[in-house]
């Protein structure tokens, strides 16, 4: 920090033209799409795409085996800020 070659962070102002495609979005139904966090995009202006896989309500059977509950994907950046944003359907 404080060195002469440090560059400031780029600020996203949201002035993207409506006819321009958004990064990571699919153009046809047979293409893959990068999942991004809507809450990060609304709060910070940056559509982040780092996710953590979580298991909600894991269970233990009467025999002692662990059984996973519902699996889901949550945003890692929201988790560091204290929010839980589900990226699953």
PDB file of N, CA and C in Angstrom:
ATOM      1  N   UNK A   1       0.834  -1.174   0.000  1.00  0.00           N
ATOM      2  CA  UNK A   1       0.000   0.000   0.000  1.00  0.00           C
ATOM      3  C   UNK A   1       0.876   1.232   0.000  1.00  0.00           C
ATOM      4  N   UNK A   2       0.419   2.228  -0.665  1.00  0.00           N
ATOM      5  CA  UNK A   2       1.117   3.483  -0.669  1.00  0.00           C
ATOM      6  C   UNK A   2       2.259   3.548  -1.660  1.00  0.00           C
ATOM      7  N   UNK A   3       2.505   2.473  -2.412  1.00  0.00           N
ATOM      8  CA  UNK A   3       3.569   2.508  -3.394  1.00  0.00           C
ATOM      9  C   UNK A   3       3.098   3.274  -4.617  1.00  0.00           C
ATOM     10  N   UNK A   4       4.028   3.729  -5.404  1.00  0.00           N
ATOM     11  CA  UNK A   4       3.706   4.561  -6.554  1.00  0.00           C
ATOM     12  C   UNK A   4       2.972   3.833  -7.669  1.00  0.00           C
ATOM     13  N   UNK A   5       3.085   2.510  -7.742  1.00  0.00           N
ATOM     14  CA  UNK A   5       2.454   1.785  -8.846  1.00  0.00           C
ATOM     15  C   UNK A   5       1.089   1.222  -8.485  1.00  0.00           C
ATOM     16  N   UNK A   6       0.541   1.539  -7.307  1.00  0.00           N
ATOM     17  CA  UNK A   6      -0.794   1.074  -6.933  1.00  0.00           C
ATOM     18  C   UNK A   6      -1.845   1.809  -7.748  1.00  0.00           C
ATOM     19  N   UNK A   7      -2.821   1.061  -8.245  1.00  0.00           N
ATOM     20  CA  UNK A   7      -3.908   1.675  -9.003  1.00  0.00           C
ATOM     21  C   UNK A   7      -5.162   1.655  -8.157  1.00  0.00           C
ATOM     22  N   UNK A   8      -5.990   2.674  -8.239  1.00  0.00           N
ATOM     23  CA  UNK A   8      -7.240   2.661  -7.480  1.00  0.00           C
ATOM     24  C   UNK A   8      -8.208   1.637  -8.068  1.00  0.00           C
ATOM     25  N   UNK A   9      -9.140   1.203  -7.252  1.00  0.00           N
ATOM     26  CA  UNK A   9     -10.147   0.259  -7.726  1.00  0.00           C
ATOM     27  C   UNK A   9     -11.065   0.934  -8.734  1.00  0.00           C
ATOM     28  N   UNK A  10     -11.542   0.177  -9.679  1.00  0.00           N
ATOM     29  CA  UNK A  10     -12.464   0.701 -10.674  1.00  0.00           C
ATOM     30  C   UNK A  10     -13.860   0.774 -10.069  1.00  0.00           C
ATOM     31  N   UNK A  11     -14.506   1.883 -10.244  1.00  0.00           N
ATOM     32  CA  UNK A  11     -15.869   2.069  -9.745  1.00  0.00           C
ATOM     33  C   UNK A  11     -16.837   1.778 -10.881  1.00  0.00           C
ATOM     34  N   UNK A  12     -17.792   0.915 -10.613  1.00  0.00           N
ATOM     35  CA  UNK A  12     -18.801   0.590 -11.613  1.00  0.00           C
ATOM     36  C   UNK A  12     -19.989   1.505 -11.375  1.00  0.00           C
ATOM     37  N   UNK A  13     -20.270   2.334 -12.355  1.00  0.00           N
ATOM     38  CA  UNK A  13     -21.331   3.327 -12.185  1.00  0.00           C
ATOM     39  C   UNK A  13     -22.676   2.840 -12.671  1.00  0.00           C
ATOM     40  N   UNK A  14     -22.722   1.737 -13.381  1.00  0.00           N
ATOM     41  CA  UNK A  14     -23.997   1.221 -13.858  1.00  0.00           C
ATOM     42  C   UNK A  14     -24.498   1.914 -15.103  1.00  0.00           C
ATOM     43  N   UNK A  15     -23.601   2.532 -15.855  1.00  0.00           N
ATOM     44  CA  UNK A  15     -24.037   3.234 -17.059  1.00  0.00           C
ATOM     45  C   UNK A  15     -23.904   2.371 -18.312  1.00  0.00           C
ATOM     46  N   UNK A  16     -24.088   1.050 -18.168  1.00  0.00           N
ATOM     47  CA  UNK A  16     -24.040   0.149 -19.311  1.00  0.00           C
ATOM     48  C   UNK A  16     -25.253   0.407 -20.190  1.00  0.00           C
ATOM     49  N   UNK A  17     -25.016   0.496 -21.473  1.00  0.00           N
ATOM     50  CA  UNK A  17     -26.109   0.698 -22.416  1.00  0.00           C
ATOM     51  C   UNK A  17     -27.009  -0.538 -22.426  1.00  0.00           C
ATOM     52  N   UNK A  18     -28.289  -0.349 -22.618  1.00  0.00           N
ATOM     53  CA  UNK A  18     -29.221  -1.473 -22.566  1.00  0.00           C
ATOM     54  C   UNK A  18     -29.001  -2.448 -23.706  1.00  0.00           C
ATOM     55  N   UNK A  19     -28.456  -1.997 -24.807  1.00  0.00           N
ATOM     56  CA  UNK A  19     -28.234  -2.905 -25.940  1.00  0.00           C
ATOM     57  C   UNK A  19     -26.961  -3.737 -25.786  1.00  0.00           C
ATOM     58  N   UNK A  20     -26.098  -3.385 -24.823  1.00  0.00           N
ATOM     59  CA  UNK A  20     -24.873  -4.141 -24.594  1.00  0.00           C
ATOM     60  C   UNK A  20     -25.175  -5.361 -23.728  1.00  0.00           C
ATOM     61  N   UNK A  21     -24.534  -6.462 -24.051  1.00  0.00           N
ATOM     62  CA  UNK A  21     -24.721  -7.691 -23.288  1.00  0.00           C
ATOM     63  C   UNK A  21     -24.016  -7.601 -21.951  1.00  0.00           C
ATOM     64  N   UNK A  22     -24.587  -8.238 -20.933  1.00  0.00           N
ATOM     65  CA  UNK A  22     -23.939  -8.316 -19.638  1.00  0.00           C
ATOM     66  C   UNK A  22     -22.930  -9.449 -19.659  1.00  0.00           C
ATOM     67  N   UNK A  23     -21.848  -9.288 -18.951  1.00  0.00           N
ATOM     68  CA  UNK A  23     -20.794 -10.302 -18.923  1.00  0.00           C
ATOM     69  C   UNK A  23     -21.317 -11.575 -18.264  1.00  0.00           C
ATOM     70  N   UNK A  24     -20.996 -12.717 -18.851  1.00  0.00           N
ATOM     71  CA  UNK A  24     -21.374 -13.996 -18.275  1.00  0.00           C
ATOM     72  C   UNK A  24     -22.788 -14.438 -18.570  1.00  0.00           C
ATOM     73  N   UNK A  25     -23.568 -13.657 -19.261  1.00  0.00           N
ATOM     74  CA  UNK A  25     -24.954 -14.033 -19.560  1.00  0.00           C
ATOM     75  C   UNK A  25     -25.005 -14.863 -20.835  1.00  0.00           C
ATOM     76  N   UNK A  26     -25.914 -15.803 -20.865  1.00  0.00           N
ATOM     77  CA  UNK A  26     -26.027 -16.649 -22.052  1.00  0.00           C
ATOM     78  C   UNK A  26     -26.839 -15.947 -23.130  1.00  0.00           C
ATOM     79  N   UNK A  27     -26.543 -16.302 -24.359  1.00  0.00           N
ATOM     80  CA  UNK A  27     -27.206 -15.682 -25.499  1.00  0.00           C
ATOM     81  C   UNK A  27     -28.223 -16.614 -26.151  1.00  0.00           C
ATOM     82  N   UNK A  28     -28.188 -17.891 -25.777  1.00  0.00           N
ATOM     83  CA  UNK A  28     -29.143 -18.871 -26.281  1.00  0.00           C
ATOM     84  C   UNK A  28     -29.447 -19.856 -25.159  1.00  0.00           C
ATOM     85  N   UNK A  29     -30.553 -20.576 -25.267  1.00  0.00           N
ATOM     86  CA  UNK A  29     -30.971 -21.490 -24.209  1.00  0.00           C
ATOM     87  C   UNK A  29     -30.051 -22.689 -24.052  1.00  0.00           C
ATOM     88  N   UNK A  30     -29.262 -23.017 -25.079  1.00  0.00           N
ATOM     89  CA  UNK A  30     -28.380 -24.171 -24.992  1.00  0.00           C
ATOM     90  C   UNK A  30     -26.985 -23.814 -24.483  1.00  0.00           C
ATOM     91  N   UNK A  31     -26.740 -22.573 -24.089  1.00  0.00           N
ATOM     92  CA  UNK A  31     -25.443 -22.152 -23.576  1.00  0.00           C
ATOM     93  C   UNK A  31     -25.444 -22.127 -22.046  1.00  0.00           C
ATOM     94  N   UNK A  32     -24.260 -22.235 -21.468  1.00  0.00           N
ATOM     95  CA  UNK A  32     -24.114 -22.133 -20.024  1.00  0.00           C
ATOM     96  C   UNK A  32     -24.164 -20.669 -19.604  1.00  0.00           C
ATOM     97  N   UNK A  33     -24.523 -20.444 -18.350  1.00  0.00           N
ATOM     98  CA  UNK A  33     -24.598 -19.093 -17.827  1.00  0.00           C
ATOM     99  C   UNK A  33     -23.857 -19.028 -16.498  1.00  0.00           C
ATOM    100  N   UNK A  34     -23.049 -17.994 -16.306  1.00  0.00           N
ATOM    101  CA  UNK A  34     -22.345 -17.820 -15.047  1.00  0.00           C
ATOM    102  C   UNK A  34     -23.322 -17.273 -14.015  1.00  0.00           C
ATOM    103  N   UNK A  35     -23.381 -17.927 -12.867  1.00  0.00           N
ATOM    104  CA  UNK A  35     -24.287 -17.501 -11.807  1.00  0.00           C
ATOM    105  C   UNK A  35     -23.640 -16.342 -11.048  1.00  0.00           C
ATOM    106  N   UNK A  36     -24.390 -15.288 -10.835  1.00  0.00           N
ATOM    107  CA  UNK A  36     -23.871 -14.152 -10.071  1.00  0.00           C
ATOM    108  C   UNK A  36     -24.865 -13.799  -8.967  1.00  0.00           C
ATOM    109  N   UNK A  37     -24.367 -13.107  -7.959  1.00  0.00           N
ATOM    110  CA  UNK A  37     -25.169 -12.778  -6.783  1.00  0.00           C
ATOM    111  C   UNK A  37     -25.922 -11.472  -7.007  1.00  0.00           C
ATOM    112  N   UNK A  38     -27.229 -11.523  -6.882  1.00  0.00           N
ATOM    113  CA  UNK A  38     -28.045 -10.328  -7.088  1.00  0.00           C
ATOM    114  C   UNK A  38     -27.895  -9.349  -5.933  1.00  0.00           C
ATOM    115  N   UNK A  39     -27.686  -9.844  -4.714  1.00  0.00           N
ATOM    116  CA  UNK A  39     -27.554  -8.945  -3.569  1.00  0.00           C
ATOM    117  C   UNK A  39     -26.245  -8.159  -3.629  1.00  0.00           C
ATOM    118  N   UNK A  40     -25.145  -8.813  -4.013  1.00  0.00           N
ATOM    119  CA  UNK A  40     -23.869  -8.097  -4.162  1.00  0.00           C
ATOM    120  C   UNK A  40     -23.978  -7.049  -5.261  1.00  0.00           C
ATOM    121  N   UNK A  41     -24.670  -7.399  -6.333  1.00  0.00           N
ATOM    122  CA  UNK A  41     -24.827  -6.447  -7.432  1.00  0.00           C
ATOM    123  C   UNK A  41     -25.648  -5.238  -6.990  1.00  0.00           C
ATOM    124  N   UNK A  42     -26.675  -5.454  -6.185  1.00  0.00           N
ATOM    125  CA  UNK A  42     -27.491  -4.341  -5.705  1.00  0.00           C
ATOM    126  C   UNK A  42     -26.759  -3.515  -4.651  1.00  0.00           C
ATOM    127  N   UNK A  43     -26.033  -4.172  -3.730  1.00  0.00           N
ATOM    128  CA  UNK A  43     -25.392  -3.466  -2.623  1.00  0.00           C
ATOM    129  C   UNK A  43     -24.100  -2.764  -3.028  1.00  0.00           C
ATOM    130  N   UNK A  44     -23.240  -3.474  -3.774  1.00  0.00           N
ATOM    131  CA  UNK A  44     -21.915  -2.933  -4.078  1.00  0.00           C
ATOM    132  C   UNK A  44     -21.738  -2.522  -5.528  1.00  0.00           C
ATOM    133  N   UNK A  45     -22.633  -2.966  -6.412  1.00  0.00           N
ATOM    134  CA  UNK A  45     -22.486  -2.660  -7.834  1.00  0.00           C
ATOM    135  C   UNK A  45     -21.632  -3.660  -8.580  1.00  0.00           C
ATOM    136  N   UNK A  46     -21.158  -4.702  -7.896  1.00  0.00           N
ATOM    137  CA  UNK A  46     -20.313  -5.716  -8.527  1.00  0.00           C
ATOM    138  C   UNK A  46     -21.037  -7.053  -8.447  1.00  0.00           C
ATOM    139  N   UNK A  47     -21.252  -7.675  -9.594  1.00  0.00           N
ATOM    140  CA  UNK A  47     -21.921  -8.976  -9.632  1.00  0.00           C
ATOM    141  C   UNK A  47     -20.883 -10.062  -9.361  1.00  0.00           C
ATOM    142  N   UNK A  48     -20.787 -10.500  -8.123  1.00  0.00           N
ATOM    143  CA  UNK A  48     -19.794 -11.501  -7.742  1.00  0.00           C
ATOM    144  C   UNK A  48     -20.282 -12.897  -8.109  1.00  0.00           C
ATOM    145  N   UNK A  49     -19.345 -13.824  -8.230  1.00  0.00           N
ATOM    146  CA  UNK A  49     -19.740 -15.185  -8.593  1.00  0.00           C
ATOM    147  C   UNK A  49     -18.882 -16.220  -7.869  1.00  0.00           C
ATOM    148  N   UNK A  50     -18.692 -16.036  -6.573  1.00  0.00           N
ATOM    149  CA  UNK A  50     -18.028 -17.056  -5.759  1.00  0.00           C
ATOM    150  C   UNK A  50     -19.075 -17.659  -4.836  1.00  0.00           C
ATOM    151  N   UNK A  51     -19.186 -18.982  -4.862  1.00  0.00           N
ATOM    152  CA  UNK A  51     -20.234 -19.644  -4.100  1.00  0.00           C
ATOM    153  C   UNK A  51     -19.644 -20.719  -3.191  1.00  0.00           C
ATOM    154  N   UNK A  52     -20.377 -21.003  -2.135  1.00  0.00           N
ATOM    155  CA  UNK A  52     -20.020 -22.057  -1.183  1.00  0.00           C
ATOM    156  C   UNK A  52     -21.176 -23.045  -1.149  1.00  0.00           C
ATOM    157  N   UNK A  53     -20.863 -24.334  -1.223  1.00  0.00           N
ATOM    158  CA  UNK A  53     -21.908 -25.354  -1.149  1.00  0.00           C
ATOM    159  C   UNK A  53     -22.173 -25.682   0.313  1.00  0.00           C
ATOM    160  N   UNK A  54     -23.422 -25.610   0.706  1.00  0.00           N
ATOM    161  CA  UNK A  54     -23.797 -25.859   2.097  1.00  0.00           C
ATOM    162  C   UNK A  54     -24.844 -26.964   2.157  1.00  0.00           C
ATOM    163  N   UNK A  55     -24.912 -27.617   3.299  1.00  0.00           N
ATOM    164  CA  UNK A  55     -25.930 -28.635   3.547  1.00  0.00           C
ATOM    165  C   UNK A  55     -26.798 -28.132   4.689  1.00  0.00           C
ATOM    166  N   UNK A  56     -28.069 -27.958   4.401  1.00  0.00           N
ATOM    167  CA  UNK A  56     -29.014 -27.487   5.396  1.00  0.00           C
ATOM    168  C   UNK A  56     -29.654 -28.683   6.090  1.00  0.00           C
ATOM    169  N   UNK A  57     -29.719 -28.652   7.376  1.00  0.00           N
ATOM    170  CA  UNK A  57     -30.375 -29.669   8.195  1.00  0.00           C
ATOM    171  C   UNK A  57     -29.861 -31.078   7.940  1.00  0.00           C
ATOM    172  N   UNK A  58     -28.554 -31.334   8.159  1.00  0.00           N
ATOM    173  CA  UNK A  58     -28.082 -32.720   8.035  1.00  0.00           C
ATOM    174  C   UNK A  58     -28.697 -33.578   9.144  1.00  0.00           C
ATOM    175  N   UNK A  59     -28.829 -34.855   8.878  1.00  0.00           N
ATOM    176  CA  UNK A  59     -29.503 -35.753   9.816  1.00  0.00           C
ATOM    177  C   UNK A  59     -28.597 -36.936  10.171  1.00  0.00           C
ATOM    178  N   UNK A  60     -28.903 -37.570  11.282  1.00  0.00           N
ATOM    179  CA  UNK A  60     -28.221 -38.799  11.687  1.00  0.00           C
ATOM    180  C   UNK A  60     -29.273 -39.888  11.801  1.00  0.00           C
ATOM    181  N   UNK A  61     -29.033 -41.017  11.133  1.00  0.00           N
ATOM    182  CA  UNK A  61     -29.969 -42.136  11.160  1.00  0.00           C
ATOM    183  C   UNK A  61     -29.887 -42.841  12.516  1.00  0.00           C
ATOM    184  N   UNK A  62     -30.870 -43.690  12.824  1.00  0.00           N
ATOM    185  CA  UNK A  62     -30.799 -44.453  14.077  1.00  0.00           C
ATOM    186  C   UNK A  62     -29.557 -45.339  14.180  1.00  0.00           C
ATOM    187  N   UNK A  63     -28.963 -45.692  13.028  1.00  0.00           N
ATOM    188  CA  UNK A  63     -27.744 -46.507  13.038  1.00  0.00           C
ATOM    189  C   UNK A  63     -26.489 -45.658  13.222  1.00  0.00           C
ATOM    190  N   UNK A  64     -26.632 -44.335  13.237  1.00  0.00           N
ATOM    191  CA  UNK A  64     -25.485 -43.463  13.463  1.00  0.00           C
ATOM    192  C   UNK A  64     -24.854 -42.895  12.202  1.00  0.00           C
ATOM    193  N   UNK A  65     -25.412 -43.200  11.044  1.00  0.00           N
ATOM    194  CA  UNK A  65     -24.854 -42.681   9.790  1.00  0.00           C
ATOM    195  C   UNK A  65     -25.350 -41.266   9.542  1.00  0.00           C
ATOM    196  N   UNK A  66     -24.470 -40.426   8.977  1.00  0.00           N
ATOM    197  CA  UNK A  66     -24.859 -39.075   8.616  1.00  0.00           C
ATOM    198  C   UNK A  66     -25.539 -39.063   7.258  1.00  0.00           C
ATOM    199  N   UNK A  67     -26.653 -38.376   7.174  1.00  0.00           N
ATOM    200  CA  UNK A  67     -27.410 -38.271   5.931  1.00  0.00           C
ATOM    201  C   UNK A  67     -27.520 -36.780   5.598  1.00  0.00           C
ATOM    202  N   UNK A  68     -27.114 -36.379   4.394  1.00  0.00           N
ATOM    203  CA  UNK A  68     -27.214 -34.959   4.064  1.00  0.00           C
ATOM    204  C   UNK A  68     -28.664 -34.516   3.923  1.00  0.00           C
ATOM    205  N   UNK A  69     -28.903 -33.277   4.287  1.00  0.00           N
ATOM    206  CA  UNK A  69     -30.235 -32.698   4.114  1.00  0.00           C
ATOM    207  C   UNK A  69     -30.314 -32.031   2.757  1.00  0.00           C
ATOM    208  N   UNK A  70     -30.919 -30.887   2.708  1.00  0.00           N
ATOM    209  CA  UNK A  70     -31.039 -30.136   1.471  1.00  0.00           C
ATOM    210  C   UNK A  70     -29.720 -29.433   1.183  1.00  0.00           C
ATOM    211  N   UNK A  71     -29.198 -29.603  -0.036  1.00  0.00           N
ATOM    212  CA  UNK A  71     -27.970 -28.922  -0.417  1.00  0.00           C
ATOM    213  C   UNK A  71     -28.318 -27.620  -1.113  1.00  0.00           C
ATOM    214  N   UNK A  72     -27.463 -26.644  -0.943  1.00  0.00           N
ATOM    215  CA  UNK A  72     -27.681 -25.362  -1.582  1.00  0.00           C
ATOM    216  C   UNK A  72     -26.369 -24.649  -1.825  1.00  0.00           C
ATOM    217  N   UNK A  73     -26.416 -23.598  -2.634  1.00  0.00           N
ATOM    218  CA  UNK A  73     -25.257 -22.760  -2.928  1.00  0.00           C
ATOM    219  C   UNK A  73     -25.549 -21.371  -2.396  1.00  0.00           C
ATOM    220  N   UNK A  74     -24.614 -20.819  -1.616  1.00  0.00           N
ATOM    221  CA  UNK A  74     -24.773 -19.452  -1.119  1.00  0.00           C
ATOM    222  C   UNK A  74     -23.568 -18.628  -1.543  1.00  0.00           C
ATOM    223  N   UNK A  75     -23.750 -17.323  -1.608  1.00  0.00           N
ATOM    224  CA  UNK A  75     -22.703 -16.402  -2.045  1.00  0.00           C
ATOM    225  C   UNK A  75     -21.653 -16.270  -0.942  1.00  0.00           C
ATOM    226  N   UNK A  76     -20.383 -16.476  -1.304  1.00  0.00           N
ATOM    227  CA  UNK A  76     -19.299 -16.402  -0.330  1.00  0.00           C
ATOM    228  C   UNK A  76     -19.064 -14.971   0.139  1.00  0.00           C
ATOM    229  N   UNK A  77     -19.226 -13.991  -0.735  1.00  0.00           N
ATOM    230  CA  UNK A  77     -19.007 -12.604  -0.353  1.00  0.00           C
ATOM    231  C   UNK A  77     -20.096 -12.109   0.597  1.00  0.00           C
ATOM    232  N   UNK A  78     -21.338 -12.505   0.348  1.00  0.00           N
ATOM    233  CA  UNK A  78     -22.423 -12.144   1.269  1.00  0.00           C
ATOM    234  C   UNK A  78     -22.196 -12.793   2.629  1.00  0.00           C
ATOM    235  N   UNK A  79     -21.689 -14.010   2.625  1.00  0.00           N
ATOM    236  CA  UNK A  79     -21.428 -14.717   3.878  1.00  0.00           C
ATOM    237  C   UNK A  79     -20.387 -13.980   4.715  1.00  0.00           C
ATOM    238  N   UNK A  80     -19.361 -13.408   4.069  1.00  0.00           N
ATOM    239  CA  UNK A  80     -18.354 -12.652   4.811  1.00  0.00           C
ATOM    240  C   UNK A  80     -18.922 -11.347   5.357  1.00  0.00           C
ATOM    241  N   UNK A  81     -19.970 -10.821   4.703  1.00  0.00           N
ATOM    242  CA  UNK A  81     -20.609  -9.589   5.177  1.00  0.00           C
ATOM    243  C   UNK A  81     -21.740  -9.863   6.161  1.00  0.00           C
ATOM    244  N   UNK A  82     -22.025 -11.143   6.453  1.00  0.00           N
ATOM    245  CA  UNK A  82     -23.047 -11.486   7.425  1.00  0.00           C
ATOM    246  C   UNK A  82     -24.415 -11.748   6.833  1.00  0.00           C
ATOM    247  N   UNK A  83     -24.529 -11.788   5.521  1.00  0.00           N
ATOM    248  CA  UNK A  83     -25.795 -12.100   4.858  1.00  0.00           C
ATOM    249  C   UNK A  83     -25.743 -13.515   4.310  1.00  0.00           C
ATOM    250  N   UNK A  84     -26.890 -14.098   4.097  1.00  0.00           N
ATOM    251  CA  UNK A  84     -26.974 -15.403   3.444  1.00  0.00           C
ATOM    252  C   UNK A  84     -27.854 -15.236   2.221  1.00  0.00           C
ATOM    253  N   UNK A  85     -27.244 -15.334   1.055  1.00  0.00           N
ATOM    254  CA  UNK A  85     -27.961 -15.201  -0.195  1.00  0.00           C
ATOM    255  C   UNK A  85     -27.898 -16.514  -0.937  1.00  0.00           C
ATOM    256  N   UNK A  86     -29.035 -17.156  -1.143  1.00  0.00           N
ATOM    257  CA  UNK A  86     -29.080 -18.434  -1.832  1.00  0.00           C
ATOM    258  C   UNK A  86     -28.967 -18.197  -3.334  1.00  0.00           C
ATOM    259  N   UNK A  87     -28.076 -18.950  -3.979  1.00  0.00           N
ATOM    260  CA  UNK A  87     -27.924 -18.869  -5.423  1.00  0.00           C
ATOM    261  C   UNK A  87     -28.597 -20.036  -6.126  1.00  0.00           C
ATOM    262  N   UNK A  88     -29.200 -20.929  -5.351  1.00  0.00           N
ATOM    263  CA  UNK A  88     -29.939 -22.055  -5.927  1.00  0.00           C
ATOM    264  C   UNK A  88     -31.344 -21.612  -6.273  1.00  0.00           C
ATOM    265  N   UNK A  89     -32.021 -22.452  -7.017  1.00  0.00           N
ATOM    266  CA  UNK A  89     -33.391 -22.115  -7.376  1.00  0.00           C
ATOM    267  C   UNK A  89     -34.325 -22.361  -6.237  1.00  0.00           C
TER     268      UNK A  89
END
